[in-house]
Amino acid sequence: MTLARYRQLAIVTTIGICLLVVAGGVVRLTGSGLGCDDWPNCNDERFIDVSTGHAAIEQLNRLLSGLIGVPTLLLAIVSFRAAPRGSGLRWPAIGVLVSVLANGVVGGIAVRGDLHPALVQSHFLLAMVSIAFGLVAVRASNGRRIEWSRSLDGTLRARLTISLTAVAAAALVTGTVVTGAGPHAGEEDVRRFGFDIGQVARIHSVTVIVAVAIGAALAVLVAKGTDASMRSAVSSWLFIAILQGGIGYAQYFTGVPELLVGTHIAGATLLWVVTVRLVLAEVDSTGRSTRVERNEIDSRRLRV
């Protein structure tokens, strides 16, 4: 029962963080980033203030952040009751909690720092870390240990999976640099990165193209095997990556309209989700192969 509760909390927490990322995008795209110019108070007069549209949007975002904190904290507590140390349940739950709490602090500093683009960038990227921990927690809830070292052991498929994850992470980072140099700052008169947006957009595009190329190579490799879960994971990743790339090009050539930028933020979050799930699928796939090999070896020994 406790393990089932752990799984429920892990799913709710992960979905909640994804929604929080999109909500943060709404705050920025509506120019409401400094609707509340203080933290944790809304301003120097009120803790809660919804007297303007911008303040109301920012207050709703902060309320959502607080709500997500509840299952995140409960997940960490349940992780200590669900299984003993070494079960693989505690560290992802603690990772989610620590990263979410840290992101709350970063968000507060970002507000007090007048939405400096480096702080806003860190706010988004730290949320991606929280999502990764959350997805690992969901996977750990099936009761089987995750054998990282044996699974990502240097085979071609493992190397491609690791490379794809690294380049996808790089694409997220370069994407936040493009955002930090672009027009949607969260407020009209705040600092932006001084980069030429065309140059950083091209760099971001290159990282996306490289990631898709690695994904295509991985798809060709897994197509020759019999692992349906890996084929499904790679196919999902390629579909979302290509769709996300199309949205990125569309927003760039149409003057980065708010709706497309918001869709791109949601797409980036979804792409990171399927990237982490792809890694977990590779880990599980290799783990199953290892267990089959062990069973065959044990069977031969018994026959001897």
C-alpha atoms as a PDB file:
ATOM      1  CA  MET A   1       0.000   0.000   0.000  1.00  0.00           C
ATOM      2  CA  THR A   2       2.840   2.386   0.874  1.00  0.00           C
ATOM      3  CA  LEU A   3       4.600   1.649  -2.418  1.00  0.00           C
ATOM      4  CA  ALA A   4       1.384   2.399  -4.329  1.00  0.00           C
ATOM      5  CA  ARG A   5       1.065   5.695  -2.449  1.00  0.00           C
ATOM      6  CA  TYR A   6       4.695   6.490  -3.312  1.00  0.00           C
ATOM      7  CA  ARG A   7       3.909   5.925  -6.998  1.00  0.00           C
ATOM      8  CA  GLN A   8       0.802   8.112  -6.878  1.00  0.00           C
ATOM      9  CA  LEU A   9       2.722  10.948  -5.217  1.00  0.00           C
ATOM     10  CA  ALA A  10       5.599  10.618  -7.690  1.00  0.00           C
ATOM     11  CA  ILE A  11       3.201  10.885 -10.651  1.00  0.00           C
ATOM     12  CA  VAL A  12       1.295  13.837  -9.170  1.00  0.00           C
ATOM     13  CA  THR A  13       4.535  15.630  -8.313  1.00  0.00           C
ATOM     14  CA  THR A  14       6.048  15.133 -11.771  1.00  0.00           C
ATOM     15  CA  ILE A  15       2.911  16.221 -13.622  1.00  0.00           C
ATOM     16  CA  GLY A  16       2.581  19.180 -11.274  1.00  0.00           C
ATOM     17  CA  ILE A  17       6.116  20.373 -11.974  1.00  0.00           C
ATOM     18  CA  CYS A  18       5.489  20.110 -15.727  1.00  0.00           C
ATOM     19  CA  LEU A  19       2.360  22.227 -15.343  1.00  0.00           C
ATOM     20  CA  LEU A  20       4.300  24.687 -13.206  1.00  0.00           C
ATOM     21  CA  VAL A  21       6.855  25.133 -16.008  1.00  0.00           C
ATOM     22  CA  VAL A  22       4.068  25.986 -18.444  1.00  0.00           C
ATOM     23  CA  ALA A  23       2.489  28.324 -15.888  1.00  0.00           C
ATOM     24  CA  GLY A  24       5.839  30.071 -15.514  1.00  0.00           C
ATOM     25  CA  GLY A  25       5.874  30.538 -19.270  1.00  0.00           C
ATOM     26  CA  VAL A  26       2.434  32.169 -19.077  1.00  0.00           C
ATOM     27  CA  VAL A  27       3.754  34.560 -16.423  1.00  0.00           C
ATOM     28  CA  ARG A  28       6.633  35.565 -18.655  1.00  0.00           C
ATOM     29  CA  LEU A  29       4.662  35.796 -21.891  1.00  0.00           C
ATOM     30  CA  THR A  30       1.983  37.997 -20.318  1.00  0.00           C
ATOM     31  CA  GLY A  31       4.605  40.362 -18.923  1.00  0.00           C
ATOM     32  CA  SER A  32       3.603  39.469 -15.364  1.00  0.00           C
ATOM     33  CA  GLY A  33       7.046  38.519 -14.073  1.00  0.00           C
ATOM     34  CA  LEU A  34       7.156  41.530 -11.792  1.00  0.00           C
ATOM     35  CA  GLY A  35       3.420  41.626 -11.128  1.00  0.00           C
ATOM     36  CA  CYS A  36       4.638  40.878  -7.627  1.00  0.00           C
ATOM     37  CA  ASP A  37       7.958  42.663  -7.181  1.00  0.00           C
ATOM     38  CA  ASP A  38       8.812  41.185  -3.784  1.00  0.00           C
ATOM     39  CA  TRP A  39       9.216  37.677  -2.352  1.00  0.00           C
ATOM     40  CA  PRO A  40       7.706  35.910  -0.450  1.00  0.00           C
ATOM     41  CA  ASN A  41       5.350  38.924  -0.151  1.00  0.00           C
ATOM     42  CA  CYS A  42       3.735  40.158  -3.326  1.00  0.00           C
ATOM     43  CA  ASN A  43       4.968  43.690  -2.610  1.00  0.00           C
ATOM     44  CA  ASP A  44       6.108  45.854   0.280  1.00  0.00           C
ATOM     45  CA  GLU A  45       2.507  46.437   1.361  1.00  0.00           C
ATOM     46  CA  ARG A  46       0.739  43.100   0.942  1.00  0.00           C
ATOM     47  CA  PHE A  47       1.521  39.413   1.148  1.00  0.00           C
ATOM     48  CA  ILE A  48      -1.266  38.720  -1.369  1.00  0.00           C
ATOM     49  CA  ASP A  49      -2.300  41.255  -3.980  1.00  0.00           C
ATOM     50  CA  VAL A  50      -4.595  40.638  -6.940  1.00  0.00           C
ATOM     51  CA  SER A  51      -5.434  44.278  -7.590  1.00  0.00           C
ATOM     52  CA  THR A  52      -3.992  44.107 -11.130  1.00  0.00           C
ATOM     53  CA  GLY A  53      -4.054  41.445 -13.834  1.00  0.00           C
ATOM     54  CA  HIS A  54      -0.270  41.005 -13.744  1.00  0.00           C
ATOM     55  CA  ALA A  55      -0.270  40.629  -9.940  1.00  0.00           C
ATOM     56  CA  ALA A  56      -3.115  38.098 -10.114  1.00  0.00           C
ATOM     57  CA  ILE A  57      -1.272  35.974 -12.697  1.00  0.00           C
ATOM     58  CA  GLU A  58       1.923  35.969 -10.643  1.00  0.00           C
ATOM     59  CA  GLN A  59      -0.027  35.181  -7.454  1.00  0.00           C
ATOM     60  CA  LEU A  60      -1.710  32.208  -9.136  1.00  0.00           C
ATOM     61  CA  ASN A  61       1.708  30.963 -10.233  1.00  0.00           C
ATOM     62  CA  ARG A  62       2.997  31.220  -6.669  1.00  0.00           C
ATOM     63  CA  LEU A  63      -0.115  29.456  -5.378  1.00  0.00           C
ATOM     64  CA  LEU A  64       0.466  26.604  -7.825  1.00  0.00           C
ATOM     65  CA  SER A  65       4.089  26.407  -6.657  1.00  0.00           C
ATOM     66  CA  GLY A  66       2.906  26.044  -3.068  1.00  0.00           C
ATOM     67  CA  LEU A  67       0.394  23.358  -4.011  1.00  0.00           C
ATOM     68  CA  ILE A  68       3.059  21.344  -5.827  1.00  0.00           C
ATOM     69  CA  GLY A  69       5.193  21.518  -2.698  1.00  0.00           C
ATOM     70  CA  VAL A  70       2.659  19.407  -0.771  1.00  0.00           C
ATOM     71  CA  PRO A  71       2.924  16.128  -2.748  1.00  0.00           C
ATOM     72  CA  THR A  72       6.657  16.759  -3.161  1.00  0.00           C
ATOM     73  CA  LEU A  73       7.133  16.830   0.618  1.00  0.00           C
ATOM     74  CA  LEU A  74       4.818  13.851   1.129  1.00  0.00           C
ATOM     75  CA  LEU A  75       6.777  11.878  -1.476  1.00  0.00           C
ATOM     76  CA  ALA A  76       9.995  12.383   0.474  1.00  0.00           C
ATOM     77  CA  ILE A  77       8.289  11.338   3.723  1.00  0.00           C
ATOM     78  CA  VAL A  78       6.695   8.234   2.190  1.00  0.00           C
ATOM     79  CA  SER A  79      10.030   7.243   0.605  1.00  0.00           C
ATOM     80  CA  PHE A  80      11.403   6.600   4.100  1.00  0.00           C
ATOM     81  CA  ARG A  81       8.396   4.433   4.965  1.00  0.00           C
ATOM     82  CA  ALA A  82       8.038   2.578   1.677  1.00  0.00           C
ATOM     83  CA  ALA A  83      11.283   0.619   1.788  1.00  0.00           C
ATOM     84  CA  PRO A  84      14.614   0.417   3.619  1.00  0.00           C
ATOM     85  CA  ARG A  85      17.747   2.292   2.659  1.00  0.00           C
ATOM     86  CA  GLY A  86      19.270   0.995  -0.548  1.00  0.00           C
ATOM     87  CA  SER A  87      15.914   0.285  -2.165  1.00  0.00           C
ATOM     88  CA  GLY A  88      16.383   3.090  -4.689  1.00  0.00           C
ATOM     89  CA  LEU A  89      13.237   4.930  -3.590  1.00  0.00           C
ATOM     90  CA  ARG A  90      14.696   7.576  -1.312  1.00  0.00           C
ATOM     91  CA  TRP A  91      17.264   9.397  -3.408  1.00  0.00           C
ATOM     92  CA  PRO A  92      14.953  10.436  -6.302  1.00  0.00           C
ATOM     93  CA  ALA A  93      12.281  11.572  -3.834  1.00  0.00           C
ATOM     94  CA  ILE A  94      14.820  13.629  -1.906  1.00  0.00           C
ATOM     95  CA  GLY A  95      16.206  14.922  -5.200  1.00  0.00           C
ATOM     96  CA  VAL A  96      12.767  16.190  -6.220  1.00  0.00           C
ATOM     97  CA  LEU A  97      12.229  17.859  -2.851  1.00  0.00           C
ATOM     98  CA  VAL A  98      15.640  19.559  -2.716  1.00  0.00           C
ATOM     99  CA  SER A  99      15.486  20.776  -6.321  1.00  0.00           C
ATOM    100  CA  VAL A 100      11.921  22.107  -5.925  1.00  0.00           C
ATOM    101  CA  LEU A 101      12.858  23.957  -2.729  1.00  0.00           C
ATOM    102  CA  ALA A 102      15.994  25.308  -4.390  1.00  0.00           C
ATOM    103  CA  ASN A 103      13.935  26.467  -7.351  1.00  0.00           C
ATOM    104  CA  GLY A 104      11.626  28.368  -5.024  1.00  0.00           C
ATOM    105  CA  VAL A 105      14.654  30.231  -3.723  1.00  0.00           C
ATOM    106  CA  VAL A 106      15.937  30.859  -7.260  1.00  0.00           C
ATOM    107  CA  GLY A 107      12.514  32.182  -8.228  1.00  0.00           C
ATOM    108  CA  GLY A 108      12.555  34.568  -5.302  1.00  0.00           C
ATOM    109  CA  ILE A 109      16.046  35.770  -6.177  1.00  0.00           C
ATOM    110  CA  ALA A 110      14.947  36.212  -9.806  1.00  0.00           C
ATOM    111  CA  VAL A 111      12.124  38.512  -8.700  1.00  0.00           C
ATOM    112  CA  ARG A 112      14.400  40.487  -6.401  1.00  0.00           C
ATOM    113  CA  GLY A 113      17.007  40.579  -9.186  1.00  0.00           C
ATOM    114  CA  ASP A 114      14.485  42.140 -11.604  1.00  0.00           C
ATOM    115  CA  LEU A 115      14.261  38.979 -13.731  1.00  0.00           C
ATOM    116  CA  HIS A 116      17.905  38.796 -14.728  1.00  0.00           C
ATOM    117  CA  PRO A 117      17.936  36.381 -17.710  1.00  0.00           C
ATOM    118  CA  ALA A 118      20.543  34.098 -16.110  1.00  0.00           C
ATOM    119  CA  LEU A 119      18.280  33.646 -13.074  1.00  0.00           C
ATOM    120  CA  VAL A 120      15.205  33.019 -15.225  1.00  0.00           C
ATOM    121  CA  GLN A 121      17.266  30.526 -17.249  1.00  0.00           C
ATOM    122  CA  SER A 122      18.363  28.751 -14.056  1.00  0.00           C
ATOM    123  CA  HIS A 123      14.747  28.665 -12.873  1.00  0.00           C
ATOM    124  CA  PHE A 124      13.692  26.707 -15.965  1.00  0.00           C
ATOM    125  CA  LEU A 125      16.679  24.361 -16.052  1.00  0.00           C
ATOM    126  CA  LEU A 126      16.353  23.489 -12.368  1.00  0.00           C
ATOM    127  CA  ALA A 127      12.732  22.538 -13.054  1.00  0.00           C
ATOM    128  CA  MET A 128      14.033  20.089 -15.677  1.00  0.00           C
ATOM    129  CA  VAL A 129      16.222  18.544 -12.974  1.00  0.00           C
ATOM    130  CA  SER A 130      13.149  18.165 -10.746  1.00  0.00           C
ATOM    131  CA  ILE A 131      11.235  16.492 -13.579  1.00  0.00           C
ATOM    132  CA  ALA A 132      14.085  14.032 -14.127  1.00  0.00           C
ATOM    133  CA  PHE A 133      14.130  13.085 -10.437  1.00  0.00           C
ATOM    134  CA  GLY A 134      10.340  12.740 -10.510  1.00  0.00           C
ATOM    135  CA  LEU A 135      10.394  10.375 -13.481  1.00  0.00           C
ATOM    136  CA  VAL A 136      13.076   8.250 -11.833  1.00  0.00           C
ATOM    137  CA  ALA A 137      10.888   8.108  -8.716  1.00  0.00           C
ATOM    138  CA  VAL A 138       7.943   6.921 -10.833  1.00  0.00           C
ATOM    139  CA  ARG A 139      10.141   4.210 -12.369  1.00  0.00           C
ATOM    140  CA  ALA A 140      11.530   3.191  -8.955  1.00  0.00           C
ATOM    141  CA  SER A 141       7.992   2.652  -7.671  1.00  0.00           C
ATOM    142  CA  ASN A 142       7.664  -0.612  -9.636  1.00  0.00           C
ATOM    143  CA  GLY A 143       9.783  -2.260  -6.952  1.00  0.00           C
ATOM    144  CA  ARG A 144      12.803  -3.195  -9.105  1.00  0.00           C
ATOM    145  CA  ARG A 145      16.153  -1.551  -8.521  1.00  0.00           C
ATOM    146  CA  ILE A 146      17.545   0.558 -11.341  1.00  0.00           C
ATOM    147  CA  GLU A 147      20.908  -0.920 -12.339  1.00  0.00           C
ATOM    148  CA  TRP A 148      22.537   2.162 -13.852  1.00  0.00           C
ATOM    149  CA  SER A 149      26.126   0.910 -14.124  1.00  0.00           C
ATOM    150  CA  ARG A 150      25.227  -2.447 -15.682  1.00  0.00           C
ATOM    151  CA  SER A 151      22.683  -0.936 -18.057  1.00  0.00           C
ATOM    152  CA  LEU A 152      24.653   2.005 -19.473  1.00  0.00           C
ATOM    153  CA  ASP A 153      27.708  -0.193 -19.914  1.00  0.00           C
ATOM    154  CA  GLY A 154      29.269   1.033 -23.145  1.00  0.00           C
ATOM    155  CA  THR A 155      27.277  -0.804 -25.814  1.00  0.00           C
ATOM    156  CA  LEU A 156      26.564   1.164 -28.979  1.00  0.00           C
ATOM    157  CA  ARG A 157      22.913   1.592 -28.047  1.00  0.00           C
ATOM    158  CA  ALA A 158      23.826   2.799 -24.569  1.00  0.00           C
ATOM    159  CA  ARG A 159      26.380   5.255 -25.971  1.00  0.00           C
ATOM    160  CA  LEU A 160      23.814   6.637 -28.419  1.00  0.00           C
ATOM    161  CA  THR A 161      21.261   6.969 -25.619  1.00  0.00           C
ATOM    162  CA  ILE A 162      23.723   8.847 -23.412  1.00  0.00           C
ATOM    163  CA  SER A 163      24.786  11.068 -26.323  1.00  0.00           C
ATOM    164  CA  LEU A 164      21.177  11.823 -27.197  1.00  0.00           C
ATOM    165  CA  THR A 165      20.423  12.801 -23.598  1.00  0.00           C
ATOM    166  CA  ALA A 166      23.488  15.050 -23.402  1.00  0.00           C
ATOM    167  CA  VAL A 167      22.700  16.833 -26.674  1.00  0.00           C
ATOM    168  CA  ALA A 168      19.008  17.172 -25.749  1.00  0.00           C
ATOM    169  CA  ALA A 169      20.097  18.794 -22.476  1.00  0.00           C
ATOM    170  CA  ALA A 170      22.404  21.100 -24.459  1.00  0.00           C
ATOM    171  CA  ALA A 171      19.447  22.024 -26.686  1.00  0.00           C
ATOM    172  CA  LEU A 172      17.479  22.996 -23.581  1.00  0.00           C
ATOM    173  CA  VAL A 173      20.335  25.188 -22.389  1.00  0.00           C
ATOM    174  CA  THR A 174      20.829  26.905 -25.753  1.00  0.00           C
ATOM    175  CA  GLY A 175      17.064  27.348 -25.988  1.00  0.00           C
ATOM    176  CA  THR A 176      17.032  29.256 -22.713  1.00  0.00           C
ATOM    177  CA  VAL A 177      19.835  31.467 -24.035  1.00  0.00           C
ATOM    178  CA  VAL A 178      17.691  32.273 -27.082  1.00  0.00           C
ATOM    179  CA  THR A 179      14.823  33.097 -24.726  1.00  0.00           C
ATOM    180  CA  GLY A 180      17.094  35.281 -22.619  1.00  0.00           C
ATOM    181  CA  ALA A 181      18.094  37.261 -25.700  1.00  0.00           C
ATOM    182  CA  GLY A 182      14.554  37.481 -27.099  1.00  0.00           C
ATOM    183  CA  PRO A 183      11.675  39.877 -26.550  1.00  0.00           C
ATOM    184  CA  HIS A 184       9.649  37.944 -23.964  1.00  0.00           C
ATOM    185  CA  ALA A 185      11.374  38.938 -20.756  1.00  0.00           C
ATOM    186  CA  GLY A 186       8.460  38.730 -18.317  1.00  0.00           C
ATOM    187  CA  GLU A 187       8.395  42.504 -17.982  1.00  0.00           C
ATOM    188  CA  GLU A 188       8.977  45.347 -20.401  1.00  0.00           C
ATOM    189  CA  ASP A 189      12.069  47.007 -18.989  1.00  0.00           C
ATOM    190  CA  VAL A 190      14.285  44.218 -17.663  1.00  0.00           C
ATOM    191  CA  ARG A 191      17.767  43.177 -18.669  1.00  0.00           C
ATOM    192  CA  ARG A 192      18.335  40.765 -21.579  1.00  0.00           C
ATOM    193  CA  PHE A 193      21.373  38.798 -22.724  1.00  0.00           C
ATOM    194  CA  GLY A 194      23.390  40.938 -25.101  1.00  0.00           C
ATOM    195  CA  PHE A 195      23.734  38.197 -27.720  1.00  0.00           C
ATOM    196  CA  ASP A 196      22.544  38.516 -31.285  1.00  0.00           C
ATOM    197  CA  ILE A 197      19.342  36.485 -31.278  1.00  0.00           C
ATOM    198  CA  GLY A 198      19.940  35.233 -34.820  1.00  0.00           C
ATOM    199  CA  GLN A 199      23.328  33.787 -33.859  1.00  0.00           C
ATOM    200  CA  VAL A 200      22.141  32.072 -30.682  1.00  0.00           C
ATOM    201  CA  ALA A 201      19.052  30.770 -32.501  1.00  0.00           C
ATOM    202  CA  ARG A 202      21.315  29.150 -35.105  1.00  0.00           C
ATOM    203  CA  ILE A 203      23.432  27.561 -32.367  1.00  0.00           C
ATOM    204  CA  HIS A 204      20.267  26.250 -30.729  1.00  0.00           C
ATOM    205  CA  SER A 205      19.099  24.924 -34.094  1.00  0.00           C
ATOM    206  CA  VAL A 206      22.365  23.042 -34.575  1.00  0.00           C
ATOM    207  CA  THR A 207      22.005  21.307 -31.181  1.00  0.00           C
ATOM    208  CA  VAL A 208      18.456  20.275 -32.085  1.00  0.00           C
ATOM    209  CA  ILE A 209      19.522  18.931 -35.496  1.00  0.00           C
ATOM    210  CA  VAL A 210      22.371  16.952 -33.927  1.00  0.00           C
ATOM    211  CA  ALA A 211      19.973  15.506 -31.347  1.00  0.00           C
ATOM    212  CA  VAL A 212      17.512  14.461 -34.059  1.00  0.00           C
ATOM    213  CA  ALA A 213      20.351  12.866 -36.068  1.00  0.00           C
ATOM    214  CA  ILE A 214      21.423  10.826 -33.035  1.00  0.00           C
ATOM    215  CA  GLY A 215      17.787   9.912 -32.411  1.00  0.00           C
ATOM    216  CA  ALA A 216      17.448   8.712 -36.010  1.00  0.00           C
ATOM    217  CA  ALA A 217      20.598   6.578 -35.671  1.00  0.00           C
ATOM    218  CA  LEU A 218      19.222   5.112 -32.448  1.00  0.00           C
ATOM    219  CA  ALA A 219      15.902   4.381 -34.190  1.00  0.00           C
ATOM    220  CA  VAL A 220      17.696   2.452 -36.945  1.00  0.00           C
ATOM    221  CA  LEU A 221      19.603   0.472 -34.341  1.00  0.00           C
ATOM    222  CA  VAL A 222      16.609  -0.478 -32.193  1.00  0.00           C
ATOM    223  CA  ALA A 223      14.530  -1.328 -35.295  1.00  0.00           C
ATOM    224  CA  LYS A 224      16.786  -4.365 -35.775  1.00  0.00           C
ATOM    225  CA  GLY A 225      16.066  -5.657 -32.285  1.00  0.00           C
ATOM    226  CA  THR A 226      13.054  -7.204 -30.602  1.00  0.00           C
ATOM    227  CA  ASP A 227      12.687  -4.726 -27.736  1.00  0.00           C
ATOM    228  CA  ALA A 228       9.257  -3.148 -28.286  1.00  0.00           C
ATOM    229  CA  SER A 229       9.597  -0.771 -25.329  1.00  0.00           C
ATOM    230  CA  MET A 230      12.772   0.790 -26.734  1.00  0.00           C
ATOM    231  CA  ARG A 231      11.263   1.091 -30.217  1.00  0.00           C
ATOM    232  CA  SER A 232       8.249   2.851 -28.731  1.00  0.00           C
ATOM    233  CA  ALA A 233      10.418   5.174 -26.623  1.00  0.00           C
ATOM    234  CA  VAL A 234      12.650   6.154 -29.540  1.00  0.00           C
ATOM    235  CA  SER A 235       9.687   6.639 -31.889  1.00  0.00           C
ATOM    236  CA  SER A 236       7.959   8.903 -29.373  1.00  0.00           C
ATOM    237  CA  TRP A 237      11.143  10.896 -28.890  1.00  0.00           C
ATOM    238  CA  LEU A 238      11.663  11.405 -32.628  1.00  0.00           C
ATOM    239  CA  PHE A 239       8.058  12.435 -33.214  1.00  0.00           C
ATOM    240  CA  ILE A 240       8.080  15.039 -30.437  1.00  0.00           C
ATOM    241  CA  ALA A 241      11.566  16.298 -31.329  1.00  0.00           C
ATOM    242  CA  ILE A 242      10.639  16.870 -34.985  1.00  0.00           C
ATOM    243  CA  LEU A 243       7.348  18.507 -34.004  1.00  0.00           C
ATOM    244  CA  GLN A 244       9.160  20.712 -31.490  1.00  0.00           C
ATOM    245  CA  GLY A 245      11.731  21.683 -34.115  1.00  0.00           C
ATOM    246  CA  GLY A 246       8.930  22.672 -36.490  1.00  0.00           C
ATOM    247  CA  ILE A 247       7.320  24.842 -33.804  1.00  0.00           C
ATOM    248  CA  GLY A 248      10.697  26.444 -33.111  1.00  0.00           C
ATOM    249  CA  TYR A 249      11.251  27.391 -36.736  1.00  0.00           C
ATOM    250  CA  ALA A 250       7.648  28.623 -37.055  1.00  0.00           C
ATOM    251  CA  GLN A 251       7.957  30.922 -34.045  1.00  0.00           C
ATOM    252  CA  TYR A 252      11.298  32.292 -35.229  1.00  0.00           C
ATOM    253  CA  PHE A 253      10.093  33.156 -38.726  1.00  0.00           C
ATOM    254  CA  THR A 254       6.796  34.627 -37.511  1.00  0.00           C
ATOM    255  CA  GLY A 255       8.345  37.054 -34.997  1.00  0.00           C
ATOM    256  CA  VAL A 256       8.068  34.841 -31.876  1.00  0.00           C
ATOM    257  CA  PRO A 257       4.337  35.303 -31.136  1.00  0.00           C
ATOM    258  CA  GLU A 258       3.314  34.523 -27.567  1.00  0.00           C
ATOM    259  CA  LEU A 259       1.121  31.534 -28.413  1.00  0.00           C
ATOM    260  CA  LEU A 260       3.854  29.730 -30.344  1.00  0.00           C
ATOM    261  CA  VAL A 261       6.451  30.564 -27.689  1.00  0.00           C
ATOM    262  CA  GLY A 262       4.186  29.111 -25.007  1.00  0.00           C
ATOM    263  CA  THR A 263       3.636  26.000 -27.128  1.00  0.00           C
ATOM    264  CA  HIS A 264       7.403  25.720 -27.584  1.00  0.00           C
ATOM    265  CA  ILE A 265       7.942  25.878 -23.809  1.00  0.00           C
ATOM    266  CA  ALA A 266       5.393  23.099 -23.297  1.00  0.00           C
ATOM    267  CA  GLY A 267       7.030  21.117 -26.116  1.00  0.00           C
ATOM    268  CA  ALA A 268      10.492  21.509 -24.588  1.00  0.00           C
ATOM    269  CA  THR A 269       9.160  20.185 -21.291  1.00  0.00           C
ATOM    270  CA  LEU A 270       7.504  17.236 -23.018  1.00  0.00           C
ATOM    271  CA  LEU A 271      10.665  16.510 -25.008  1.00  0.00           C
ATOM    272  CA  TRP A 272      12.681  16.373 -21.786  1.00  0.00           C
ATOM    273  CA  VAL A 273      10.111  13.992 -20.290  1.00  0.00           C
ATOM    274  CA  VAL A 274      10.402  11.570 -23.212  1.00  0.00           C
ATOM    275  CA  THR A 275      14.204  11.922 -23.139  1.00  0.00           C
ATOM    276  CA  VAL A 276      14.388  10.797 -19.511  1.00  0.00           C
ATOM    277  CA  ARG A 277      11.869   8.030 -20.217  1.00  0.00           C
ATOM    278  CA  LEU A 278      14.059   6.896 -23.115  1.00  0.00           C
ATOM    279  CA  VAL A 279      17.040   6.583 -20.782  1.00  0.00           C
ATOM    280  CA  LEU A 280      14.927   4.602 -18.313  1.00  0.00           C
ATOM    281  CA  ALA A 281      13.683   2.360 -21.127  1.00  0.00           C
ATOM    282  CA  GLU A 282      17.300   1.638 -22.103  1.00  0.00           C
ATOM    283  CA  VAL A 283      18.182   0.877 -18.491  1.00  0.00           C
ATOM    284  CA  ASP A 284      15.214  -1.475 -18.105  1.00  0.00           C
ATOM    285  CA  SER A 285      15.875  -3.147 -21.445  1.00  0.00           C
ATOM    286  CA  THR A 286      19.505  -3.877 -20.683  1.00  0.00           C
ATOM    287  CA  GLY A 287      18.559  -4.955 -17.177  1.00  0.00           C
ATOM    288  CA  ARG A 288      16.109  -7.512 -18.582  1.00  0.00           C
ATOM    289  CA  SER A 289      18.764  -8.850 -20.951  1.00  0.00           C
ATOM    290  CA  THR A 290      21.219  -9.167 -18.090  1.00  0.00           C
ATOM    291  CA  ARG A 291      18.703 -11.079 -15.972  1.00  0.00           C
ATOM    292  CA  VAL A 292      17.942 -13.457 -18.871  1.00  0.00           C
ATOM    293  CA  GLU A 293      21.665 -14.114 -19.367  1.00  0.00           C
ATOM    294  CA  ARG A 294      22.097 -14.796 -15.649  1.00  0.00           C
ATOM    295  CA  ASN A 295      19.175 -17.233 -15.666  1.00  0.00           C
ATOM    296  CA  GLU A 296      20.616 -19.065 -18.687  1.00  0.00           C
ATOM    297  CA  ILE A 297      24.032 -19.311 -17.025  1.00  0.00           C
ATOM    298  CA  ASP A 298      22.447 -20.575 -13.788  1.00  0.00           C
ATOM    299  CA  SER A 299      20.427 -23.146 -15.762  1.00  0.00           C
ATOM    300  CA  ARG A 300      23.540 -24.440 -17.516  1.00  0.00           C
ATOM    301  CA  ARG A 301      25.355 -24.725 -14.214  1.00  0.00           C
ATOM    302  CA  LEU A 302      22.485 -26.700 -12.729  1.00  0.00           C
ATOM    303  CA  ARG A 303      22.460 -29.082 -15.694  1.00  0.00           C
ATOM    304  CA  VAL A 304      26.194 -29.612 -15.327  1.00  0.00           C
END
